[in-house]
Protein backbone atom coordinates (compact mmCIF):
# COMPACT_ATOMS: atom_id res chain seq x y z
CA MET A 1 59.34 126.95 103.44
CA PRO A 2 59.09 128.04 100.00
CA GLY A 3 62.17 128.70 97.97
CA LEU A 4 64.31 126.56 100.24
CA LEU A 5 65.53 123.02 99.11
CA LEU A 6 67.39 120.54 101.73
CA LEU A 7 69.15 117.89 100.43
CA ALA A 8 70.42 115.32 102.74
CA ALA A 9 73.49 113.48 101.90
CA PRO A 10 76.10 111.52 104.09
CA LEU A 11 79.66 112.95 103.99
CA SER A 12 81.13 109.69 103.20
CA ALA A 13 84.94 109.44 102.07
CA GLN A 14 84.01 105.67 101.35
CA VAL A 15 84.03 104.31 97.75
CA SER A 16 81.71 101.67 95.92
CA GLU A 17 82.79 98.78 94.18
CA ALA A 18 80.86 100.52 91.34
CA THR A 19 82.77 103.76 91.62
CA LEU A 20 85.91 101.58 91.34
CA MET A 21 84.87 99.92 88.71
CA ARG A 22 83.74 103.29 86.83
CA LEU A 23 87.52 104.75 87.75
CA PHE A 24 89.71 101.79 86.95
CA THR A 25 89.57 98.26 84.75
CA SER A 26 88.72 95.28 87.28
CA THR A 27 91.33 92.52 86.46
CA ASP A 28 89.58 89.57 88.28
CA SER A 29 86.08 87.99 88.68
CA SER A 30 85.56 88.87 92.58
CA ARG A 31 86.05 92.73 91.45
CA SER A 32 88.61 93.42 94.39
CA THR A 33 91.62 93.98 92.18
CA PHE A 34 91.55 97.06 89.65
CA THR A 35 94.38 98.03 87.48
CA VAL A 36 95.34 102.17 87.72
CA LYS A 37 97.59 101.84 84.86
CA PRO A 38 100.00 98.99 83.66
CA GLY A 39 101.85 97.83 86.70
CA VAL A 40 100.05 99.54 89.21
CA GLN A 41 97.04 97.91 91.07
CA ILE A 42 94.48 98.77 93.55
CA MET A 43 93.29 95.80 95.74
CA ALA A 44 89.99 96.57 97.65
CA THR A 45 88.82 94.85 100.71
CA TYR A 46 84.96 95.40 101.15
CA GLY A 47 82.85 96.26 104.15
CA PRO A 48 79.29 94.37 104.40
CA GLN A 49 77.62 96.85 101.89
CA GLN A 50 80.14 96.59 99.20
CA GLU A 51 81.94 99.87 99.94
CA ALA A 52 85.51 99.85 100.23
CA CYS A 53 87.07 99.76 103.64
CA VAL A 54 90.78 99.72 102.96
CA LEU A 55 92.43 100.11 99.34
CA THR A 56 96.16 98.82 98.80
CA VAL A 57 98.09 100.25 95.85
CA THR A 58 100.63 98.27 94.72
CA GLY A 59 103.25 98.52 91.75
CA ALA A 60 105.67 101.31 90.53
CA VAL A 61 104.17 104.71 91.32
CA SER A 62 105.17 108.27 91.57
CA GLU A 63 104.12 110.24 94.93
CA GLN A 64 102.20 112.67 92.51
CA GLU A 65 100.41 110.04 90.83
CA LEU A 66 99.71 108.43 94.22
CA LEU A 67 97.78 111.51 95.58
CA LYS A 68 95.90 111.79 92.17
CA VAL A 69 94.59 108.33 93.08
CA PHE A 70 94.09 109.11 96.53
CA ASP A 71 91.65 112.20 94.88
CA SER A 72 90.02 110.19 92.87
CA VAL A 73 88.90 107.49 95.47
CA ALA A 74 88.29 110.20 98.22
CA PRO A 75 87.56 113.43 96.72
CA PRO A 76 88.96 116.12 99.28
CA LYS A 77 85.47 117.25 99.93
CA SER A 78 84.40 113.67 101.27
CA ARG A 79 87.36 113.30 103.68
CA GLY A 80 86.07 115.52 106.32
CA VAL A 81 88.39 117.84 108.46
CA LYS A 82 92.09 117.27 108.14
CA LYS A 83 93.77 115.92 111.20
CA SER A 84 97.38 115.71 110.29
CA ASP A 85 99.73 115.35 107.33
CA MET A 86 103.30 114.15 108.42
CA ILE A 87 106.31 112.47 107.43
CA GLU A 88 108.47 110.34 109.68
CA CYS A 89 111.72 109.46 108.63
CA VAL A 90 113.68 106.62 110.62
CA GLY A 91 116.16 105.52 107.83
CA ALA A 92 113.06 105.24 105.40
CA CYS A 93 110.79 107.71 104.98
CA GLN A 94 106.60 107.25 105.33
CA ARG A 95 103.90 109.89 104.76
CA ASN A 96 100.54 109.80 106.86
CA ILE A 97 97.78 111.96 105.81
CA SER A 98 94.79 111.57 108.15
CA TYR A 99 91.02 112.83 108.01
CA GLU A 100 87.92 112.30 109.79
CA GLY A 101 86.69 109.88 107.00
CA VAL A 102 90.03 108.55 105.52
CA THR A 103 93.69 107.75 106.43
CA PHE A 104 96.34 107.84 103.47
CA THR A 105 99.79 106.02 104.32
CA THR A 106 102.47 105.70 101.75
CA GLY A 107 106.16 104.84 101.80
CA VAL A 108 106.67 106.61 98.29
CA VAL A 109 107.75 109.92 99.34
CA GLY A 110 109.81 112.35 97.21
CA LYS A 111 111.66 111.04 94.03
CA ALA A 112 114.26 108.66 95.49
CA GLN A 113 111.83 106.16 97.78
CA THR A 114 109.74 103.69 96.28
CA SER A 115 107.82 101.18 98.69
CA GLU A 116 105.74 97.87 98.45
CA PRO A 117 102.99 98.58 98.68
CA ALA A 118 102.94 101.94 97.26
CA ALA A 119 100.14 103.19 99.59
CA ILE A 120 97.26 102.26 101.76
CA ILE A 121 94.26 103.82 102.08
CA VAL A 122 91.68 103.11 105.27
CA PHE A 123 88.52 104.33 105.23
CA GLU A 124 87.23 105.17 108.87
CA ALA A 125 83.61 104.29 108.82
CA PRO A 126 82.19 102.30 111.69
CA GLN A 127 81.60 99.25 109.61
CA CYS A 128 84.96 99.08 108.40
CA LYS A 129 86.58 98.51 111.89
CA LYS A 130 87.37 94.93 110.96
CA ALA A 131 89.15 95.78 107.89
CA ALA A 132 90.93 98.92 109.38
CA GLU A 133 92.55 96.45 112.13
CA GLY A 134 93.82 94.14 109.45
CA ALA A 135 94.99 97.20 107.52
CA LYS A 136 97.30 98.28 110.51
CA LYS A 137 99.07 95.28 110.13
CA ILE A 138 100.41 95.92 106.55
CA VAL A 139 103.95 96.52 106.52
CA LEU A 140 105.12 99.23 103.87
CA ASN A 141 108.47 97.76 102.71
CA THR A 142 110.70 100.78 101.90
CA PRO A 143 114.12 100.55 100.97
CA GLY A 144 116.51 102.74 102.35
CA ARG A 145 116.88 106.10 100.73
CA ASP A 146 120.09 106.65 97.88
């Protein structure tokens, strides 16, 4: 058809190793740990094509800063349809934001609560199934709120 240009690009929330290196400073030779800012790091677990399957954010960081990191590694247009956004509090609180392509979990909720790790970002691609299962075993250490 004249005048009609179709571009096919996969809708994928996954972030590549090269993108992580462009966004953040790599702190090790394996290119699996990156510095977001002094005291805040991202540790990546990669799938078979060197695309991140799980990103674990550690260090003292605010909820707003975590959401900015989430936006940079999984831009809103790449996430797919939002499935849920809930905060669950049993003593300490935990926030879970789930999309078709990625899930963001944090124990940093509001200004009074911290967590270690600060957040876990899990990409829902088929090649990430094994890494995602491992991420489900990570426990957010969230001290009780003041």
